[in-house]
């Protein structure tokens, strides 16, 4: 049992993650700023039930503080709807970047996007510098569209008594790859 949560508010310079994983009787929690070294705490709770209970309590606490479910990396295993929503948000962001109009609507779309695609933005977020040109936005869209174009693993035809095997590998777009685009003009 595991979860990855993010809290993003570009105006308040907040770009945090919180992750937890239950293994046997232990709960491992990691937290920090997206793209930076995580802090880690291991709760040794003795049994799986107590670890799950602590996990659920901590998740509920974080959700009440405004954290939202996300993922630490974007790959072709992500829900297609999430990838499509990220692309839609980039399409909303694009005209604002083109017109250099970094209004509240731009900030809201940017915050929503960063909740879906956690991205290292440094210690000081400057919302008007995240995307400096439409080429930056288009580059991001291209990365996300490439995930949609990646075929889902296909089950191969096998003889009776053999387990099916996937015939294609999952494509992964590393957050490190994505973040290079963000910082290349700074």
C-alpha atoms as a PDB file:
ATOM      1  CA  UNK A   1       0.000   0.000   0.000  1.00  0.00           C
ATOM      2  CA  UNK A   2       1.505   3.321  -1.049  1.00  0.00           C
ATOM      3  CA  UNK A   3       0.560   6.864  -2.038  1.00  0.00           C
ATOM      4  CA  UNK A   4       2.185   9.980  -3.503  1.00  0.00           C
ATOM      5  CA  UNK A   5       0.657  13.381  -2.702  1.00  0.00           C
ATOM      6  CA  UNK A   6       1.571  16.910  -3.786  1.00  0.00           C
ATOM      7  CA  UNK A   7       0.739  20.391  -2.574  1.00  0.00           C
ATOM      8  CA  UNK A   8       1.250  23.167  -5.115  1.00  0.00           C
ATOM      9  CA  UNK A   9       0.662  26.904  -4.839  1.00  0.00           C
ATOM     10  CA  UNK A  10       2.931  28.862  -7.190  1.00  0.00           C
ATOM     11  CA  UNK A  11       2.037  32.232  -5.642  1.00  0.00           C
ATOM     12  CA  UNK A  12       2.902  31.014  -2.128  1.00  0.00           C
ATOM     13  CA  UNK A  13       6.113  29.344  -3.401  1.00  0.00           C
ATOM     14  CA  UNK A  14       4.844  25.914  -2.382  1.00  0.00           C
ATOM     15  CA  UNK A  15       5.762  22.812  -4.411  1.00  0.00           C
ATOM     16  CA  UNK A  16       5.836  19.942  -1.905  1.00  0.00           C
ATOM     17  CA  UNK A  17       5.357  16.192  -1.992  1.00  0.00           C
ATOM     18  CA  UNK A  18       4.523  13.626   0.647  1.00  0.00           C
ATOM     19  CA  UNK A  19       4.775   9.889   0.047  1.00  0.00           C
ATOM     20  CA  UNK A  20       4.027   6.894   2.241  1.00  0.00           C
ATOM     21  CA  UNK A  21       4.401   3.142   1.882  1.00  0.00           C
ATOM     22  CA  UNK A  22       3.315   0.289   4.126  1.00  0.00           C
ATOM     23  CA  UNK A  23       5.528  -2.796   4.175  1.00  0.00           C
ATOM     24  CA  UNK A  24       4.861  -5.505   6.741  1.00  0.00           C
ATOM     25  CA  UNK A  25       4.594  -3.671  10.086  1.00  0.00           C
ATOM     26  CA  UNK A  26       6.467  -0.569   8.933  1.00  0.00           C
ATOM     27  CA  UNK A  27       5.264   2.722   7.484  1.00  0.00           C
ATOM     28  CA  UNK A  28       7.892   4.643   5.520  1.00  0.00           C
ATOM     29  CA  UNK A  29       7.105   8.330   4.983  1.00  0.00           C
ATOM     30  CA  UNK A  30       9.052  10.668   2.692  1.00  0.00           C
ATOM     31  CA  UNK A  31       8.451  14.384   2.209  1.00  0.00           C
ATOM     32  CA  UNK A  32      10.082  17.495   0.841  1.00  0.00           C
ATOM     33  CA  UNK A  33      10.196  19.889  -2.060  1.00  0.00           C
ATOM     34  CA  UNK A  34       9.581  18.327  -5.493  1.00  0.00           C
ATOM     35  CA  UNK A  35      12.936  17.621  -7.123  1.00  0.00           C
ATOM     36  CA  UNK A  36      14.997  17.815  -3.927  1.00  0.00           C
ATOM     37  CA  UNK A  37      16.353  15.231  -1.508  1.00  0.00           C
ATOM     38  CA  UNK A  38      13.502  13.770   0.515  1.00  0.00           C
ATOM     39  CA  UNK A  39      13.418  13.497   4.258  1.00  0.00           C
ATOM     40  CA  UNK A  40      12.486  10.019   5.421  1.00  0.00           C
ATOM     41  CA  UNK A  41      10.936   8.639   8.578  1.00  0.00           C
ATOM     42  CA  UNK A  42      10.226   4.971   9.246  1.00  0.00           C
ATOM     43  CA  UNK A  43       7.469   4.186  11.721  1.00  0.00           C
ATOM     44  CA  UNK A  44       7.980   0.694  13.163  1.00  0.00           C
ATOM     45  CA  UNK A  45       4.478  -0.283  14.258  1.00  0.00           C
ATOM     46  CA  UNK A  46       4.828  -4.007  14.867  1.00  0.00           C
ATOM     47  CA  UNK A  47       2.113  -5.275  12.556  1.00  0.00           C
ATOM     48  CA  UNK A  48       0.484  -4.595   9.220  1.00  0.00           C
ATOM     49  CA  UNK A  49      -2.893  -3.499  10.685  1.00  0.00           C
ATOM     50  CA  UNK A  50      -1.338  -0.737  12.801  1.00  0.00           C
ATOM     51  CA  UNK A  51       0.818   0.401   9.885  1.00  0.00           C
ATOM     52  CA  UNK A  52      -2.271   0.649   7.634  1.00  0.00           C
ATOM     53  CA  UNK A  53      -4.176   2.549  10.330  1.00  0.00           C
ATOM     54  CA  UNK A  54      -1.331   5.066  10.744  1.00  0.00           C
ATOM     55  CA  UNK A  55      -1.072   5.336   6.930  1.00  0.00           C
ATOM     56  CA  UNK A  56      -4.801   6.132   6.595  1.00  0.00           C
ATOM     57  CA  UNK A  57      -4.672   8.710   9.410  1.00  0.00           C
ATOM     58  CA  UNK A  58      -1.670  10.511   7.922  1.00  0.00           C
ATOM     59  CA  UNK A  59      -3.152  10.486   4.406  1.00  0.00           C
ATOM     60  CA  UNK A  60      -6.433  11.958   5.717  1.00  0.00           C
ATOM     61  CA  UNK A  61      -4.470  14.643   7.574  1.00  0.00           C
ATOM     62  CA  UNK A  62      -2.530  15.626   4.450  1.00  0.00           C
ATOM     63  CA  UNK A  63      -5.650  15.632   2.266  1.00  0.00           C
ATOM     64  CA  UNK A  64      -7.337  17.993   4.757  1.00  0.00           C
ATOM     65  CA  UNK A  65      -4.342  20.326   4.399  1.00  0.00           C
ATOM     66  CA  UNK A  66      -4.849  20.482   0.614  1.00  0.00           C
ATOM     67  CA  UNK A  67      -2.526  17.777  -0.665  1.00  0.00           C
ATOM     68  CA  UNK A  68      -3.800  15.859  -3.716  1.00  0.00           C
ATOM     69  CA  UNK A  69      -2.984  12.441  -5.190  1.00  0.00           C
ATOM     70  CA  UNK A  70      -0.383  12.455  -7.925  1.00  0.00           C
ATOM     71  CA  UNK A  71       2.556  10.327  -9.079  1.00  0.00           C
ATOM     72  CA  UNK A  72       6.300  10.720  -8.792  1.00  0.00           C
ATOM     73  CA  UNK A  73       6.848  10.100 -12.500  1.00  0.00           C
ATOM     74  CA  UNK A  74       4.755  10.259 -15.619  1.00  0.00           C
ATOM     75  CA  UNK A  75       4.780   7.113 -17.729  1.00  0.00           C
ATOM     76  CA  UNK A  76       2.486   5.222 -20.065  1.00  0.00           C
ATOM     77  CA  UNK A  77       1.020   3.363 -17.080  1.00  0.00           C
ATOM     78  CA  UNK A  78      -0.607   6.593 -15.900  1.00  0.00           C
ATOM     79  CA  UNK A  79      -4.288   6.905 -16.533  1.00  0.00           C
ATOM     80  CA  UNK A  80      -4.925   8.265 -20.021  1.00  0.00           C
ATOM     81  CA  UNK A  81      -7.421  10.718 -18.520  1.00  0.00           C
ATOM     82  CA  UNK A  82      -4.664  12.229 -16.346  1.00  0.00           C
ATOM     83  CA  UNK A  83      -2.311  12.635 -19.300  1.00  0.00           C
ATOM     84  CA  UNK A  84      -5.146  14.148 -21.373  1.00  0.00           C
ATOM     85  CA  UNK A  85      -6.020  16.543 -18.529  1.00  0.00           C
ATOM     86  CA  UNK A  86      -2.381  17.651 -18.317  1.00  0.00           C
ATOM     87  CA  UNK A  87      -2.380  18.311 -22.084  1.00  0.00           C
ATOM     88  CA  UNK A  88      -5.661  20.264 -21.780  1.00  0.00           C
ATOM     89  CA  UNK A  89      -4.105  22.416 -19.062  1.00  0.00           C
ATOM     90  CA  UNK A  90      -1.073  23.096 -21.246  1.00  0.00           C
ATOM     91  CA  UNK A  91      -3.454  24.160 -24.023  1.00  0.00           C
ATOM     92  CA  UNK A  92      -5.039  26.605 -21.548  1.00  0.00           C
ATOM     93  CA  UNK A  93      -1.607  27.855 -20.439  1.00  0.00           C
ATOM     94  CA  UNK A  94      -0.240  28.298 -23.990  1.00  0.00           C
ATOM     95  CA  UNK A  95      -2.137  31.502 -24.973  1.00  0.00           C
ATOM     96  CA  UNK A  96      -1.243  33.131 -21.646  1.00  0.00           C
ATOM     97  CA  UNK A  97       2.428  32.428 -22.280  1.00  0.00           C
ATOM     98  CA  UNK A  98       2.134  33.622 -25.882  1.00  0.00           C
ATOM     99  CA  UNK A  99       0.605  36.933 -24.723  1.00  0.00           C
ATOM    100  CA  UNK A 100       2.854  37.169 -21.631  1.00  0.00           C
ATOM    101  CA  UNK A 101      -0.364  37.408 -19.582  1.00  0.00           C
ATOM    102  CA  UNK A 102       0.433  35.765 -16.265  1.00  0.00           C
ATOM    103  CA  UNK A 103      -2.953  36.379 -14.686  1.00  0.00           C
ATOM    104  CA  UNK A 104      -4.812  34.516 -11.952  1.00  0.00           C
ATOM    105  CA  UNK A 105      -6.290  32.199 -14.610  1.00  0.00           C
ATOM    106  CA  UNK A 106      -2.745  31.307 -15.757  1.00  0.00           C
ATOM    107  CA  UNK A 107      -1.639  30.661 -12.161  1.00  0.00           C
ATOM    108  CA  UNK A 108      -4.680  28.451 -11.513  1.00  0.00           C
ATOM    109  CA  UNK A 109      -4.030  26.380 -14.650  1.00  0.00           C
ATOM    110  CA  UNK A 110      -0.326  26.136 -13.769  1.00  0.00           C
ATOM    111  CA  UNK A 111      -1.127  24.953 -10.226  1.00  0.00           C
ATOM    112  CA  UNK A 112      -3.529  22.315 -11.575  1.00  0.00           C
ATOM    113  CA  UNK A 113      -0.941  21.134 -14.098  1.00  0.00           C
ATOM    114  CA  UNK A 114       1.775  20.850 -11.458  1.00  0.00           C
ATOM    115  CA  UNK A 115      -0.540  18.721  -9.315  1.00  0.00           C
ATOM    116  CA  UNK A 116      -0.787  16.219 -12.166  1.00  0.00           C
ATOM    117  CA  UNK A 117       2.847  16.488 -13.301  1.00  0.00           C
ATOM    118  CA  UNK A 118       4.999  17.205 -10.226  1.00  0.00           C
ATOM    119  CA  UNK A 119       7.934  19.203 -11.531  1.00  0.00           C
ATOM    120  CA  UNK A 120      11.082  20.510  -9.826  1.00  0.00           C
ATOM    121  CA  UNK A 121      10.914  24.301 -10.009  1.00  0.00           C
ATOM    122  CA  UNK A 122      13.737  25.262  -7.675  1.00  0.00           C
ATOM    123  CA  UNK A 123      13.547  26.888  -4.275  1.00  0.00           C
ATOM    124  CA  UNK A 124      11.881  30.080  -5.501  1.00  0.00           C
ATOM    125  CA  UNK A 125       8.948  29.632  -7.889  1.00  0.00           C
ATOM    126  CA  UNK A 126       8.520  32.482 -10.319  1.00  0.00           C
ATOM    127  CA  UNK A 127       5.290  31.610 -12.159  1.00  0.00           C
ATOM    128  CA  UNK A 128       6.061  33.883 -15.114  1.00  0.00           C
ATOM    129  CA  UNK A 129       9.368  32.082 -15.682  1.00  0.00           C
ATOM    130  CA  UNK A 130       8.087  28.496 -15.626  1.00  0.00           C
ATOM    131  CA  UNK A 131       7.151  28.726 -19.297  1.00  0.00           C
ATOM    132  CA  UNK A 132       9.054  31.492 -21.061  1.00  0.00           C
ATOM    133  CA  UNK A 133       7.844  30.735 -24.568  1.00  0.00           C
ATOM    134  CA  UNK A 134       5.213  28.741 -26.438  1.00  0.00           C
ATOM    135  CA  UNK A 135       8.056  26.433 -27.512  1.00  0.00           C
ATOM    136  CA  UNK A 136       8.460  25.445 -23.857  1.00  0.00           C
ATOM    137  CA  UNK A 137       4.753  24.613 -23.620  1.00  0.00           C
ATOM    138  CA  UNK A 138       4.822  22.771 -26.947  1.00  0.00           C
ATOM    139  CA  UNK A 139       7.819  20.724 -25.785  1.00  0.00           C
ATOM    140  CA  UNK A 140       5.889  19.621 -22.685  1.00  0.00           C
ATOM    141  CA  UNK A 141       2.860  18.742 -24.812  1.00  0.00           C
ATOM    142  CA  UNK A 142       5.080  16.678 -27.092  1.00  0.00           C
ATOM    143  CA  UNK A 143       6.429  14.697 -24.146  1.00  0.00           C
ATOM    144  CA  UNK A 144       2.932  13.999 -22.851  1.00  0.00           C
ATOM    145  CA  UNK A 145       1.586  13.138 -26.320  1.00  0.00           C
ATOM    146  CA  UNK A 146       4.436  10.657 -26.754  1.00  0.00           C
ATOM    147  CA  UNK A 147       3.073   8.759 -23.753  1.00  0.00           C
ATOM    148  CA  UNK A 148      -0.338   8.515 -25.400  1.00  0.00           C
ATOM    149  CA  UNK A 149       1.295   7.190 -28.565  1.00  0.00           C
ATOM    150  CA  UNK A 150       3.114   4.437 -26.654  1.00  0.00           C
ATOM    151  CA  UNK A 151       1.239   1.167 -27.137  1.00  0.00           C
ATOM    152  CA  UNK A 152      -0.093  -0.522 -24.042  1.00  0.00           C
ATOM    153  CA  UNK A 153       1.594  -3.824 -23.253  1.00  0.00           C
ATOM    154  CA  UNK A 154       0.047  -6.608 -25.336  1.00  0.00           C
ATOM    155  CA  UNK A 155      -0.380 -10.111 -24.013  1.00  0.00           C
ATOM    156  CA  UNK A 156       1.359 -12.611 -26.260  1.00  0.00           C
ATOM    157  CA  UNK A 157      -0.355 -15.810 -27.389  1.00  0.00           C
ATOM    158  CA  UNK A 158       1.065 -18.631 -25.314  1.00  0.00           C
ATOM    159  CA  UNK A 159       0.758 -22.382 -25.060  1.00  0.00           C
ATOM    160  CA  UNK A 160      -1.396 -23.912 -22.343  1.00  0.00           C
ATOM    161  CA  UNK A 161       0.389 -23.984 -18.997  1.00  0.00           C
ATOM    162  CA  UNK A 162       2.498 -20.869 -19.605  1.00  0.00           C
ATOM    163  CA  UNK A 163       1.933 -17.450 -18.040  1.00  0.00           C
ATOM    164  CA  UNK A 164       1.249 -14.552 -20.432  1.00  0.00           C
ATOM    165  CA  UNK A 165       4.064 -12.070 -20.897  1.00  0.00           C
ATOM    166  CA  UNK A 166       3.941  -8.434 -21.987  1.00  0.00           C
ATOM    167  CA  UNK A 167       5.507  -7.858 -25.386  1.00  0.00           C
ATOM    168  CA  UNK A 168       6.303  -4.150 -25.100  1.00  0.00           C
ATOM    169  CA  UNK A 169       8.167  -2.108 -22.523  1.00  0.00           C
ATOM    170  CA  UNK A 170       6.591   0.828 -20.715  1.00  0.00           C
ATOM    171  CA  UNK A 171       7.774   4.257 -21.858  1.00  0.00           C
ATOM    172  CA  UNK A 172       8.847   6.542 -19.022  1.00  0.00           C
ATOM    173  CA  UNK A 173       9.303  10.296 -19.129  1.00  0.00           C
ATOM    174  CA  UNK A 174      11.514  11.202 -16.206  1.00  0.00           C
ATOM    175  CA  UNK A 175      10.726  14.343 -14.240  1.00  0.00           C
ATOM    176  CA  UNK A 176      14.424  15.179 -14.654  1.00  0.00           C
ATOM    177  CA  UNK A 177      13.909  15.236 -18.435  1.00  0.00           C
ATOM    178  CA  UNK A 178      10.851  17.426 -18.094  1.00  0.00           C
ATOM    179  CA  UNK A 179      12.534  19.823 -15.711  1.00  0.00           C
ATOM    180  CA  UNK A 180      15.437  20.523 -18.092  1.00  0.00           C
ATOM    181  CA  UNK A 181      12.916  22.287 -20.300  1.00  0.00           C
ATOM    182  CA  UNK A 182      11.842  24.475 -17.403  1.00  0.00           C
ATOM    183  CA  UNK A 183      15.344  25.635 -16.552  1.00  0.00           C
ATOM    184  CA  UNK A 184      17.097  25.866 -19.899  1.00  0.00           C
ATOM    185  CA  UNK A 185      16.540  29.643 -20.260  1.00  0.00           C
ATOM    186  CA  UNK A 186      17.476  30.663 -16.717  1.00  0.00           C
END
